[in-house]
């Protein structure tokens, strides 16, 4: 029953984020709204971490399975994708390196702020 309650909390946040995506005229994906809502709820204490932790850990552990439909979809459009494979690969590598670099710098910034704040 505990897992069902935790899943319900996560799904409620997802539902609200989908509703926000439909109501607000911003080009922001519903998933981003959901992440921001969950973060705000956890920071403010509206939702306590133990209320969602175990189910969230489970969902993260099965996340690779969620990419299987996307991979199958890529195989369906291989004829179109093969013509632009080089540019897509280059863009993917460049953006991955950029995201990793920015994430590393932001993490180091927060870690140095945390050390200085003690």
PDB file of N, CA and C in Angstrom:
ATOM      1  N   UNK A   1       0.821  -1.194   0.000  1.00  0.00           N
ATOM      2  CA  UNK A   1       0.000   0.000   0.000  1.00  0.00           C
ATOM      3  C   UNK A   1       0.869   1.263   0.000  1.00  0.00           C
ATOM      4  N   UNK A   2       2.054   1.181   0.648  1.00  0.00           N
ATOM      5  CA  UNK A   2       2.950   2.329   0.720  1.00  0.00           C
ATOM      6  C   UNK A   2       3.400   2.751  -0.688  1.00  0.00           C
ATOM      7  N   UNK A   3       3.730   1.763  -1.522  1.00  0.00           N
ATOM      8  CA  UNK A   3       4.195   2.066  -2.867  1.00  0.00           C
ATOM      9  C   UNK A   3       3.079   2.677  -3.714  1.00  0.00           C
ATOM     10  N   UNK A   4       1.878   2.225  -3.498  1.00  0.00           N
ATOM     11  CA  UNK A   4       0.744   2.783  -4.231  1.00  0.00           C
ATOM     12  C   UNK A   4       0.541   4.253  -3.873  1.00  0.00           C
ATOM     13  N   UNK A   5       0.666   4.592  -2.591  1.00  0.00           N
ATOM     14  CA  UNK A   5       0.539   5.992  -2.162  1.00  0.00           C
ATOM     15  C   UNK A   5       1.655   6.843  -2.771  1.00  0.00           C
ATOM     16  N   UNK A   6       2.883   6.310  -2.749  1.00  0.00           N
ATOM     17  CA  UNK A   6       4.005   7.057  -3.312  1.00  0.00           C
ATOM     18  C   UNK A   6       3.816   7.272  -4.812  1.00  0.00           C
ATOM     19  N   UNK A   7       3.369   6.237  -5.498  1.00  0.00           N
ATOM     20  CA  UNK A   7       3.124   6.352  -6.933  1.00  0.00           C
ATOM     21  C   UNK A   7       2.012   7.355  -7.207  1.00  0.00           C
ATOM     22  N   UNK A   8       1.002   7.378  -6.354  1.00  0.00           N
ATOM     23  CA  UNK A   8      -0.103   8.325  -6.506  1.00  0.00           C
ATOM     24  C   UNK A   8       0.399   9.763  -6.377  1.00  0.00           C
ATOM     25  N   UNK A   9       1.300  10.016  -5.426  1.00  0.00           N
ATOM     26  CA  UNK A   9       1.854  11.368  -5.249  1.00  0.00           C
ATOM     27  C   UNK A   9       2.603  11.785  -6.509  1.00  0.00           C
ATOM     28  N   UNK A  10       3.428  10.885  -7.039  1.00  0.00           N
ATOM     29  CA  UNK A  10       4.202  11.201  -8.243  1.00  0.00           C
ATOM     30  C   UNK A  10       3.270  11.422  -9.433  1.00  0.00           C
ATOM     31  N   UNK A  11       2.252  10.605  -9.568  1.00  0.00           N
ATOM     32  CA  UNK A  11       1.322  10.747 -10.685  1.00  0.00           C
ATOM     33  C   UNK A  11       0.482  12.023 -10.561  1.00  0.00           C
ATOM     34  N   UNK A  12       0.180  12.423  -9.333  1.00  0.00           N
ATOM     35  CA  UNK A  12      -0.552  13.678  -9.132  1.00  0.00           C
ATOM     36  C   UNK A  12       0.285  14.858  -9.608  1.00  0.00           C
ATOM     37  N   UNK A  13       1.560  14.863  -9.260  1.00  0.00           N
ATOM     38  CA  UNK A  13       2.466  15.918  -9.735  1.00  0.00           C
ATOM     39  C   UNK A  13       2.519  15.893 -11.269  1.00  0.00           C
ATOM     40  N   UNK A  14       2.581  14.707 -11.847  1.00  0.00           N
ATOM     41  CA  UNK A  14       2.610  14.583 -13.309  1.00  0.00           C
ATOM     42  C   UNK A  14       1.328  15.116 -13.941  1.00  0.00           C
ATOM     43  N   UNK A  15       0.195  14.812 -13.326  1.00  0.00           N
ATOM     44  CA  UNK A  15      -1.086  15.299 -13.840  1.00  0.00           C
ATOM     45  C   UNK A  15      -1.147  16.824 -13.794  1.00  0.00           C
ATOM     46  N   UNK A  16      -0.728  17.391 -12.673  1.00  0.00           N
ATOM     47  CA  UNK A  16      -0.746  18.850 -12.537  1.00  0.00           C
ATOM     48  C   UNK A  16       0.194  19.488 -13.565  1.00  0.00           C
ATOM     49  N   UNK A  17       1.350  18.861 -13.790  1.00  0.00           N
ATOM     50  CA  UNK A  17       2.287  19.424 -14.768  1.00  0.00           C
ATOM     51  C   UNK A  17       1.715  19.349 -16.185  1.00  0.00           C
ATOM     52  N   UNK A  18       1.000  18.270 -16.500  1.00  0.00           N
ATOM     53  CA  UNK A  18       0.342  18.185 -17.814  1.00  0.00           C
ATOM     54  C   UNK A  18      -0.736  19.265 -17.950  1.00  0.00           C
ATOM     55  N   UNK A  19      -1.483  19.498 -16.868  1.00  0.00           N
ATOM     56  CA  UNK A  19      -2.513  20.540 -16.896  1.00  0.00           C
ATOM     57  C   UNK A  19      -1.878  21.916 -17.093  1.00  0.00           C
ATOM     58  N   UNK A  20      -0.766  22.178 -16.398  1.00  0.00           N
ATOM     59  CA  UNK A  20      -0.067  23.451 -16.572  1.00  0.00           C
ATOM     60  C   UNK A  20       0.418  23.613 -18.011  1.00  0.00           C
ATOM     61  N   UNK A  21       0.900  22.519 -18.586  1.00  0.00           N
ATOM     62  CA  UNK A  21       1.382  22.566 -19.961  1.00  0.00           C
ATOM     63  C   UNK A  21       0.264  22.947 -20.925  1.00  0.00           C
ATOM     64  N   UNK A  22      -0.941  22.470 -20.653  1.00  0.00           N
ATOM     65  CA  UNK A  22      -2.078  22.803 -21.519  1.00  0.00           C
ATOM     66  C   UNK A  22      -2.588  24.217 -21.279  1.00  0.00           C
ATOM     67  N   UNK A  23      -2.515  24.685 -20.024  1.00  0.00           N
ATOM     68  CA  UNK A  23      -3.078  25.984 -19.678  1.00  0.00           C
ATOM     69  C   UNK A  23      -2.154  27.162 -19.975  1.00  0.00           C
ATOM     70  N   UNK A  24      -0.869  26.980 -19.733  1.00  0.00           N
ATOM     71  CA  UNK A  24       0.071  28.085 -19.917  1.00  0.00           C
ATOM     72  C   UNK A  24       0.583  28.120 -21.353  1.00  0.00           C
ATOM     73  N   UNK A  25       0.598  29.303 -21.942  1.00  0.00           N
ATOM     74  CA  UNK A  25       1.039  29.406 -23.344  1.00  0.00           C
ATOM     75  C   UNK A  25       2.564  29.534 -23.465  1.00  0.00           C
ATOM     76  N   UNK A  26       3.299  28.716 -22.732  1.00  0.00           N
ATOM     77  CA  UNK A  26       4.761  28.771 -22.772  1.00  0.00           C
ATOM     78  C   UNK A  26       5.304  27.529 -23.470  1.00  0.00           C
ATOM     79  N   UNK A  27       6.421  27.653 -24.162  1.00  0.00           N
ATOM     80  CA  UNK A  27       6.994  26.486 -24.841  1.00  0.00           C
ATOM     81  C   UNK A  27       7.845  25.639 -23.885  1.00  0.00           C
ATOM     82  N   UNK A  28       7.236  25.215 -22.786  1.00  0.00           N
ATOM     83  CA  UNK A  28       7.927  24.431 -21.766  1.00  0.00           C
ATOM     84  C   UNK A  28       7.273  23.049 -21.704  1.00  0.00           C
ATOM     85  N   UNK A  29       8.070  21.983 -21.791  1.00  0.00           N
ATOM     86  CA  UNK A  29       7.485  20.641 -21.708  1.00  0.00           C
ATOM     87  C   UNK A  29       6.867  20.375 -20.335  1.00  0.00           C
ATOM     88  N   UNK A  30       5.865  19.521 -20.315  1.00  0.00           N
ATOM     89  CA  UNK A  30       5.188  19.187 -19.060  1.00  0.00           C
ATOM     90  C   UNK A  30       6.156  18.566 -18.053  1.00  0.00           C
ATOM     91  N   UNK A  31       7.127  17.814 -18.542  1.00  0.00           N
ATOM     92  CA  UNK A  31       8.096  17.197 -17.643  1.00  0.00           C
ATOM     93  C   UNK A  31       8.888  18.222 -16.840  1.00  0.00           C
ATOM     94  N   UNK A  32       9.184  19.355 -17.453  1.00  0.00           N
ATOM     95  CA  UNK A  32       9.916  20.418 -16.743  1.00  0.00           C
ATOM     96  C   UNK A  32       9.036  21.013 -15.649  1.00  0.00           C
ATOM     97  N   UNK A  33       7.765  21.241 -15.990  1.00  0.00           N
ATOM     98  CA  UNK A  33       6.840  21.711 -14.951  1.00  0.00           C
ATOM     99  C   UNK A  33       6.801  20.724 -13.792  1.00  0.00           C
ATOM    100  N   UNK A  34       6.749  19.441 -14.120  1.00  0.00           N
ATOM    101  CA  UNK A  34       6.695  18.416 -13.078  1.00  0.00           C
ATOM    102  C   UNK A  34       7.927  18.417 -12.198  1.00  0.00           C
ATOM    103  N   UNK A  35       9.102  18.543 -12.821  1.00  0.00           N
ATOM    104  CA  UNK A  35      10.339  18.589 -12.045  1.00  0.00           C
ATOM    105  C   UNK A  35      10.371  19.803 -11.115  1.00  0.00           C
ATOM    106  N   UNK A  36       9.957  20.943 -11.640  1.00  0.00           N
ATOM    107  CA  UNK A  36       9.947  22.164 -10.832  1.00  0.00           C
ATOM    108  C   UNK A  36       8.926  22.043  -9.696  1.00  0.00           C
ATOM    109  N   UNK A  37       7.759  21.505  -9.997  1.00  0.00           N
ATOM    110  CA  UNK A  37       6.741  21.320  -8.954  1.00  0.00           C
ATOM    111  C   UNK A  37       7.209  20.367  -7.867  1.00  0.00           C
ATOM    112  N   UNK A  38       7.815  19.249  -8.279  1.00  0.00           N
ATOM    113  CA  UNK A  38       8.307  18.284  -7.288  1.00  0.00           C
ATOM    114  C   UNK A  38       9.421  18.887  -6.452  1.00  0.00           C
ATOM    115  N   UNK A  39      10.336  19.601  -7.091  1.00  0.00           N
ATOM    116  CA  UNK A  39      11.416  20.258  -6.352  1.00  0.00           C
ATOM    117  C   UNK A  39      10.854  21.254  -5.352  1.00  0.00           C
ATOM    118  N   UNK A  40       9.907  22.076  -5.791  1.00  0.00           N
ATOM    119  CA  UNK A  40       9.305  23.068  -4.892  1.00  0.00           C
ATOM    120  C   UNK A  40       8.579  22.386  -3.735  1.00  0.00           C
ATOM    121  N   UNK A  41       7.862  21.303  -4.034  1.00  0.00           N
ATOM    122  CA  UNK A  41       7.139  20.588  -2.975  1.00  0.00           C
ATOM    123  C   UNK A  41       8.105  19.953  -1.977  1.00  0.00           C
ATOM    124  N   UNK A  42       9.223  19.439  -2.455  1.00  0.00           N
ATOM    125  CA  UNK A  42      10.207  18.834  -1.545  1.00  0.00           C
ATOM    126  C   UNK A  42      10.926  19.900  -0.721  1.00  0.00           C
ATOM    127  N   UNK A  43      11.274  21.016  -1.340  1.00  0.00           N
ATOM    128  CA  UNK A  43      11.981  22.080  -0.620  1.00  0.00           C
ATOM    129  C   UNK A  43      11.086  22.701   0.453  1.00  0.00           C
ATOM    130  N   UNK A  44       9.825  22.943   0.108  1.00  0.00           N
ATOM    131  CA  UNK A  44       8.914  23.584   1.062  1.00  0.00           C
ATOM    132  C   UNK A  44       8.392  22.619   2.123  1.00  0.00           C
ATOM    133  N   UNK A  45       8.583  21.330   1.894  1.00  0.00           N
ATOM    134  CA  UNK A  45       8.109  20.352   2.872  1.00  0.00           C
ATOM    135  C   UNK A  45       6.676  19.911   2.651  1.00  0.00           C
ATOM    136  N   UNK A  46       6.061  20.369   1.573  1.00  0.00           N
ATOM    137  CA  UNK A  46       4.708  19.911   1.263  1.00  0.00           C
ATOM    138  C   UNK A  46       4.727  18.401   1.063  1.00  0.00           C
ATOM    139  N   UNK A  47       5.773  17.937   0.378  1.00  0.00           N
ATOM    140  CA  UNK A  47       6.005  16.503   0.222  1.00  0.00           C
ATOM    141  C   UNK A  47       7.331  16.195   0.902  1.00  0.00           C
ATOM    142  N   UNK A  48       7.328  15.209   1.765  1.00  0.00           N
ATOM    143  CA  UNK A  48       8.555  14.773   2.427  1.00  0.00           C
ATOM    144  C   UNK A  48       9.204  13.693   1.564  1.00  0.00           C
ATOM    145  N   UNK A  49      10.529  13.646   1.573  1.00  0.00           N
ATOM    146  CA  UNK A  49      11.243  12.689   0.744  1.00  0.00           C
ATOM    147  C   UNK A  49      10.791  11.242   0.973  1.00  0.00           C
ATOM    148  N   UNK A  50      10.575  10.798   2.215  1.00  0.00           N
ATOM    149  CA  UNK A  50      10.114   9.417   2.404  1.00  0.00           C
ATOM    150  C   UNK A  50       8.753   9.125   1.771  1.00  0.00           C
ATOM    151  N   UNK A  51       7.985  10.153   1.442  1.00  0.00           N
ATOM    152  CA  UNK A  51       6.681   9.956   0.820  1.00  0.00           C
ATOM    153  C   UNK A  51       6.785   9.528  -0.637  1.00  0.00           C
ATOM    154  N   UNK A  52       7.961   9.698  -1.255  1.00  0.00           N
ATOM    155  CA  UNK A  52       8.121   9.338  -2.665  1.00  0.00           C
ATOM    156  C   UNK A  52       9.424   8.602  -2.966  1.00  0.00           C
ATOM    157  N   UNK A  53      10.297   8.474  -2.007  1.00  0.00           N
ATOM    158  CA  UNK A  53      11.660   8.011  -2.255  1.00  0.00           C
ATOM    159  C   UNK A  53      11.751   6.609  -2.855  1.00  0.00           C
ATOM    160  N   UNK A  54      11.073   5.645  -2.265  1.00  0.00           N
ATOM    161  CA  UNK A  54      11.230   4.263  -2.726  1.00  0.00           C
ATOM    162  C   UNK A  54      10.651   4.059  -4.125  1.00  0.00           C
ATOM    163  N   UNK A  55       9.508   4.647  -4.389  1.00  0.00           N
ATOM    164  CA  UNK A  55       8.906   4.517  -5.716  1.00  0.00           C
ATOM    165  C   UNK A  55       9.739   5.273  -6.750  1.00  0.00           C
ATOM    166  N   UNK A  56      10.267   6.431  -6.383  1.00  0.00           N
ATOM    167  CA  UNK A  56      11.120   7.177  -7.307  1.00  0.00           C
ATOM    168  C   UNK A  56      12.386   6.389  -7.622  1.00  0.00           C
ATOM    169  N   UNK A  57      12.978   5.754  -6.614  1.00  0.00           N
ATOM    170  CA  UNK A  57      14.155   4.913  -6.848  1.00  0.00           C
ATOM    171  C   UNK A  57      13.831   3.770  -7.807  1.00  0.00           C
ATOM    172  N   UNK A  58      12.657   3.164  -7.628  1.00  0.00           N
ATOM    173  CA  UNK A  58      12.236   2.085  -8.521  1.00  0.00           C
ATOM    174  C   UNK A  58      12.076   2.598  -9.950  1.00  0.00           C
ATOM    175  N   UNK A  59      11.417   3.740 -10.104  1.00  0.00           N
ATOM    176  CA  UNK A  59      11.199   4.291 -11.446  1.00  0.00           C
ATOM    177  C   UNK A  59      12.521   4.645 -12.130  1.00  0.00           C
ATOM    178  N   UNK A  60      13.473   5.153 -11.359  1.00  0.00           N
ATOM    179  CA  UNK A  60      14.779   5.466 -11.935  1.00  0.00           C
ATOM    180  C   UNK A  60      15.505   4.175 -12.327  1.00  0.00           C
ATOM    181  N   UNK A  61      15.349   3.129 -11.536  1.00  0.00           N
ATOM    182  CA  UNK A  61      16.039   1.873 -11.840  1.00  0.00           C
ATOM    183  C   UNK A  61      15.509   1.207 -13.107  1.00  0.00           C
ATOM    184  N   UNK A  62      14.245   1.425 -13.453  1.00  0.00           N
ATOM    185  CA  UNK A  62      13.699   0.824 -14.665  1.00  0.00           C
ATOM    186  C   UNK A  62      13.692   1.790 -15.844  1.00  0.00           C
ATOM    187  N   UNK A  63      14.289   2.955 -15.671  1.00  0.00           N
ATOM    188  CA  UNK A  63      14.270   3.964 -16.725  1.00  0.00           C
ATOM    189  C   UNK A  63      14.845   3.466 -18.056  1.00  0.00           C
ATOM    190  N   UNK A  64      15.914   2.667 -18.078  1.00  0.00           N
ATOM    191  CA  UNK A  64      16.404   2.196 -19.387  1.00  0.00           C
ATOM    192  C   UNK A  64      15.344   1.451 -20.202  1.00  0.00           C
ATOM    193  N   UNK A  65      14.446   0.759 -19.543  1.00  0.00           N
ATOM    194  CA  UNK A  65      13.387   0.041 -20.248  1.00  0.00           C
ATOM    195  C   UNK A  65      12.474   1.019 -20.990  1.00  0.00           C
ATOM    196  N   UNK A  66      12.340   2.224 -20.454  1.00  0.00           N
ATOM    197  CA  UNK A  66      11.464   3.214 -21.067  1.00  0.00           C
ATOM    198  C   UNK A  66      12.000   3.727 -22.402  1.00  0.00           C
ATOM    199  N   UNK A  67      13.292   3.501 -22.683  1.00  0.00           N
ATOM    200  CA  UNK A  67      13.875   3.974 -23.935  1.00  0.00           C
ATOM    201  C   UNK A  67      13.700   2.973 -25.073  1.00  0.00           C
ATOM    202  N   UNK A  68      13.235   1.776 -24.799  1.00  0.00           N
ATOM    203  CA  UNK A  68      13.063   0.763 -25.840  1.00  0.00           C
ATOM    204  C   UNK A  68      12.085   1.230 -26.923  1.00  0.00           C
ATOM    205  N   UNK A  69      10.913   1.783 -26.571  1.00  0.00           N
ATOM    206  CA  UNK A  69      10.021   2.253 -27.644  1.00  0.00           C
ATOM    207  C   UNK A  69      10.651   3.335 -28.521  1.00  0.00           C
ATOM    208  N   UNK A  70      11.446   4.208 -27.933  1.00  0.00           N
ATOM    209  CA  UNK A  70      12.109   5.249 -28.729  1.00  0.00           C
ATOM    210  C   UNK A  70      13.120   4.628 -29.683  1.00  0.00           C
ATOM    211  N   UNK A  71      13.849   3.631 -29.228  1.00  0.00           N
ATOM    212  CA  UNK A  71      14.824   2.958 -30.092  1.00  0.00           C
ATOM    213  C   UNK A  71      14.124   2.248 -31.250  1.00  0.00           C
ATOM    214  N   UNK A  72      13.001   1.625 -30.966  1.00  0.00           N
ATOM    215  CA  UNK A  72      12.233   0.963 -32.027  1.00  0.00           C
ATOM    216  C   UNK A  72      11.716   2.007 -33.023  1.00  0.00           C
ATOM    217  N   UNK A  73      11.300   3.149 -32.518  1.00  0.00           N
ATOM    218  CA  UNK A  73      10.847   4.223 -33.396  1.00  0.00           C
ATOM    219  C   UNK A  73      11.959   4.709 -34.321  1.00  0.00           C
ATOM    220  N   UNK A  74      13.196   4.759 -33.801  1.00  0.00           N
ATOM    221  CA  UNK A  74      14.326   5.156 -34.646  1.00  0.00           C
ATOM    222  C   UNK A  74      14.563   4.141 -35.760  1.00  0.00           C
ATOM    223  N   UNK A  75      14.364   2.868 -35.452  1.00  0.00           N
ATOM    224  CA  UNK A  75      14.533   1.847 -36.490  1.00  0.00           C
ATOM    225  C   UNK A  75      13.477   1.994 -37.580  1.00  0.00           C
ATOM    226  N   UNK A  76      12.297   2.452 -37.205  1.00  0.00           N
ATOM    227  CA  UNK A  76      11.233   2.650 -38.190  1.00  0.00           C
ATOM    228  C   UNK A  76      11.556   3.764 -39.177  1.00  0.00           C
ATOM    229  N   UNK A  77      12.305   4.768 -38.748  1.00  0.00           N
ATOM    230  CA  UNK A  77      12.627   5.898 -39.613  1.00  0.00           C
ATOM    231  C   UNK A  77      14.086   5.868 -40.071  1.00  0.00           C
ATOM    232  N   UNK A  78      14.701   4.690 -40.061  1.00  0.00           N
ATOM    233  CA  UNK A  78      16.112   4.573 -40.415  1.00  0.00           C
ATOM    234  C   UNK A  78      16.393   5.105 -41.816  1.00  0.00           C
ATOM    235  N   UNK A  79      15.467   4.928 -42.750  1.00  0.00           N
ATOM    236  CA  UNK A  79      15.675   5.422 -44.112  1.00  0.00           C
ATOM    237  C   UNK A  79      15.891   6.920 -44.152  1.00  0.00           C
ATOM    238  N   UNK A  80      15.140   7.639 -43.376  1.00  0.00           N
ATOM    239  CA  UNK A  80      15.280   9.100 -43.310  1.00  0.00           C
ATOM    240  C   UNK A  80      16.506   9.466 -42.471  1.00  0.00           C
ATOM    241  N   UNK A  81      16.690   8.784 -41.348  1.00  0.00           N
ATOM    242  CA  UNK A  81      17.775   9.108 -40.420  1.00  0.00           C
ATOM    243  C   UNK A  81      19.155   8.814 -41.012  1.00  0.00           C
ATOM    244  N   UNK A  82      19.259   7.781 -41.823  1.00  0.00           N
ATOM    245  CA  UNK A  82      20.575   7.415 -42.370  1.00  0.00           C
ATOM    246  C   UNK A  82      21.143   8.509 -43.259  1.00  0.00           C
ATOM    247  N   UNK A  83      20.296   9.308 -43.880  1.00  0.00           N
ATOM    248  CA  UNK A  83      20.757  10.380 -44.764  1.00  0.00           C
ATOM    249  C   UNK A  83      21.372  11.547 -43.992  1.00  0.00           C
ATOM    250  N   UNK A  84      20.971  11.704 -42.736  1.00  0.00           N
ATOM    251  CA  UNK A  84      21.483  12.818 -41.925  1.00  0.00           C
ATOM    252  C   UNK A  84      22.210  12.321 -40.678  1.00  0.00           C
ATOM    253  N   UNK A  85      22.718  11.103 -40.745  1.00  0.00           N
ATOM    254  CA  UNK A  85      23.337  10.482 -39.568  1.00  0.00           C
ATOM    255  C   UNK A  85      24.568  11.249 -39.071  1.00  0.00           C
ATOM    256  N   UNK A  86      25.432  11.697 -39.983  1.00  0.00           N
ATOM    257  CA  UNK A  86      26.639  12.412 -39.567  1.00  0.00           C
ATOM    258  C   UNK A  86      26.316  13.712 -38.835  1.00  0.00           C
ATOM    259  N   UNK A  87      25.475  14.588 -39.383  1.00  0.00           N
ATOM    260  CA  UNK A  87      25.160  15.814 -38.633  1.00  0.00           C
ATOM    261  C   UNK A  87      24.482  15.535 -37.289  1.00  0.00           C
ATOM    262  N   UNK A  88      23.590  14.558 -37.257  1.00  0.00           N
ATOM    263  CA  UNK A  88      22.912  14.227 -35.998  1.00  0.00           C
ATOM    264  C   UNK A  88      23.923  13.708 -34.967  1.00  0.00           C
ATOM    265  N   UNK A  89      24.859  12.885 -35.411  1.00  0.00           N
ATOM    266  CA  UNK A  89      25.880  12.357 -34.501  1.00  0.00           C
ATOM    267  C   UNK A  89      26.773  13.476 -33.974  1.00  0.00           C
ATOM    268  N   UNK A  90      27.197  14.362 -34.850  1.00  0.00           N
ATOM    269  CA  UNK A  90      28.060  15.482 -34.430  1.00  0.00           C
ATOM    270  C   UNK A  90      27.325  16.381 -33.442  1.00  0.00           C
ATOM    271  N   UNK A  91      26.094  16.716 -33.748  1.00  0.00           N
ATOM    272  CA  UNK A  91      25.304  17.565 -32.851  1.00  0.00           C
ATOM    273  C   UNK A  91      25.103  16.875 -31.509  1.00  0.00           C
ATOM    274  N   UNK A  92      24.834  15.577 -31.521  1.00  0.00           N
ATOM    275  CA  UNK A  92      24.633  14.825 -30.273  1.00  0.00           C
ATOM    276  C   UNK A  92      25.893  14.822 -29.426  1.00  0.00           C
ATOM    277  N   UNK A  93      27.034  14.586 -30.047  1.00  0.00           N
ATOM    278  CA  UNK A  93      28.296  14.569 -29.293  1.00  0.00           C
ATOM    279  C   UNK A  93      28.596  15.951 -28.724  1.00  0.00           C
ATOM    280  N   UNK A  94      28.458  16.979 -29.531  1.00  0.00           N
ATOM    281  CA  UNK A  94      28.764  18.348 -29.067  1.00  0.00           C
ATOM    282  C   UNK A  94      27.842  18.754 -27.924  1.00  0.00           C
ATOM    283  N   UNK A  95      26.556  18.522 -28.068  1.00  0.00           N
ATOM    284  CA  UNK A  95      25.630  18.925 -27.000  1.00  0.00           C
ATOM    285  C   UNK A  95      25.815  18.092 -25.746  1.00  0.00           C
ATOM    286  N   UNK A  96      26.176  16.817 -25.894  1.00  0.00           N
ATOM    287  CA  UNK A  96      26.434  15.981 -24.712  1.00  0.00           C
ATOM    288  C   UNK A  96      27.635  16.517 -23.945  1.00  0.00           C
ATOM    289  N   UNK A  97      28.703  16.857 -24.664  1.00  0.00           N
ATOM    290  CA  UNK A  97      29.891  17.419 -24.007  1.00  0.00           C
ATOM    291  C   UNK A  97      29.551  18.749 -23.334  1.00  0.00           C
ATOM    292  N   UNK A  98      28.759  19.577 -24.015  1.00  0.00           N
ATOM    293  CA  UNK A  98      28.374  20.864 -23.428  1.00  0.00           C
ATOM    294  C   UNK A  98      27.556  20.666 -22.149  1.00  0.00           C
ATOM    295  N   UNK A  99      26.600  19.765 -22.185  1.00  0.00           N
ATOM    296  CA  UNK A  99      25.767  19.518 -21.000  1.00  0.00           C
ATOM    297  C   UNK A  99      26.617  18.972 -19.855  1.00  0.00           C
ATOM    298  N   UNK A 100      27.524  18.049 -20.156  1.00  0.00           N
ATOM    299  CA  UNK A 100      28.384  17.494 -19.108  1.00  0.00           C
ATOM    300  C   UNK A 100      29.292  18.583 -18.518  1.00  0.00           C
ATOM    301  N   UNK A 101      29.812  19.458 -19.360  1.00  0.00           N
ATOM    302  CA  UNK A 101      30.697  20.537 -18.893  1.00  0.00           C
ATOM    303  C   UNK A 101      29.932  21.515 -18.005  1.00  0.00           C
ATOM    304  N   UNK A 102      28.783  21.961 -18.466  1.00  0.00           N
ATOM    305  CA  UNK A 102      27.988  22.908 -17.676  1.00  0.00           C
ATOM    306  C   UNK A 102      27.550  22.268 -16.354  1.00  0.00           C
ATOM    307  N   UNK A 103      27.116  21.024 -16.411  1.00  0.00           N
ATOM    308  CA  UNK A 103      26.696  20.330 -15.192  1.00  0.00           C
ATOM    309  C   UNK A 103      27.848  20.215 -14.205  1.00  0.00           C
ATOM    310  N   UNK A 104      29.029  19.879 -14.707  1.00  0.00           N
ATOM    311  CA  UNK A 104      30.206  19.784 -13.835  1.00  0.00           C
ATOM    312  C   UNK A 104      30.548  21.115 -13.183  1.00  0.00           C
ATOM    313  N   UNK A 105      30.512  22.178 -13.972  1.00  0.00           N
ATOM    314  CA  UNK A 105      30.829  23.505 -13.424  1.00  0.00           C
ATOM    315  C   UNK A 105      29.783  23.954 -12.400  1.00  0.00           C
ATOM    316  N   UNK A 106      28.537  23.731 -12.689  1.00  0.00           N
ATOM    317  CA  UNK A 106      27.480  24.109 -11.745  1.00  0.00           C
ATOM    318  C   UNK A 106      27.610  23.295 -10.459  1.00  0.00           C
ATOM    319  N   UNK A 107      27.900  22.012 -10.577  1.00  0.00           N
ATOM    320  CA  UNK A 107      28.079  21.170  -9.394  1.00  0.00           C
ATOM    321  C   UNK A 107      29.262  21.661  -8.568  1.00  0.00           C
ATOM    322  N   UNK A 108      30.376  21.977  -9.221  1.00  0.00           N
ATOM    323  CA  UNK A 108      31.534  22.498  -8.502  1.00  0.00           C
ATOM    324  C   UNK A 108      31.218  23.831  -7.829  1.00  0.00           C
ATOM    325  N   UNK A 109      30.445  24.676  -8.491  1.00  0.00           N
ATOM    326  CA  UNK A 109      30.051  25.947  -7.904  1.00  0.00           C
ATOM    327  C   UNK A 109      29.242  25.724  -6.636  1.00  0.00           C
ATOM    328  N   UNK A 110      28.253  24.838  -6.716  1.00  0.00           N
ATOM    329  CA  UNK A 110      27.427  24.571  -5.542  1.00  0.00           C
ATOM    330  C   UNK A 110      28.237  23.929  -4.422  1.00  0.00           C
ATOM    331  N   UNK A 111      29.161  23.056  -4.772  1.00  0.00           N
ATOM    332  CA  UNK A 111      29.989  22.425  -3.737  1.00  0.00           C
ATOM    333  C   UNK A 111      30.889  23.451  -3.059  1.00  0.00           C
ATOM    334  N   UNK A 112      31.444  24.392  -3.832  1.00  0.00           N
ATOM    335  CA  UNK A 112      32.288  25.424  -3.226  1.00  0.00           C
ATOM    336  C   UNK A 112      31.458  26.379  -2.383  1.00  0.00           C
ATOM    337  N   UNK A 113      30.237  26.673  -2.818  1.00  0.00           N
ATOM    338  CA  UNK A 113      29.348  27.521  -1.997  1.00  0.00           C
ATOM    339  C   UNK A 113      28.978  26.826  -0.699  1.00  0.00           C
ATOM    340  N   UNK A 114      28.767  25.518  -0.779  1.00  0.00           N
ATOM    341  CA  UNK A 114      28.414  24.756   0.418  1.00  0.00           C
ATOM    342  C   UNK A 114      29.578  24.719   1.405  1.00  0.00           C
ATOM    343  N   UNK A 115      30.800  24.552   0.895  1.00  0.00           N
ATOM    344  CA  UNK A 115      31.969  24.555   1.770  1.00  0.00           C
ATOM    345  C   UNK A 115      32.161  25.925   2.408  1.00  0.00           C
ATOM    346  N   UNK A 116      31.992  26.980   1.628  1.00  0.00           N
ATOM    347  CA  UNK A 116      32.160  28.334   2.140  1.00  0.00           C
ATOM    348  C   UNK A 116      31.074  28.731   3.126  1.00  0.00           C
ATOM    349  N   UNK A 117      29.905  28.135   3.011  1.00  0.00           N
ATOM    350  CA  UNK A 117      28.777  28.480   3.874  1.00  0.00           C
ATOM    351  C   UNK A 117      28.828  27.813   5.233  1.00  0.00           C
ATOM    352  N   UNK A 118      29.682  26.831   5.380  1.00  0.00           N
ATOM    353  CA  UNK A 118      29.748  26.119   6.670  1.00  0.00           C
ATOM    354  C   UNK A 118      30.433  26.901   7.701  1.00  0.00           C
TER     355      UNK A 118
END
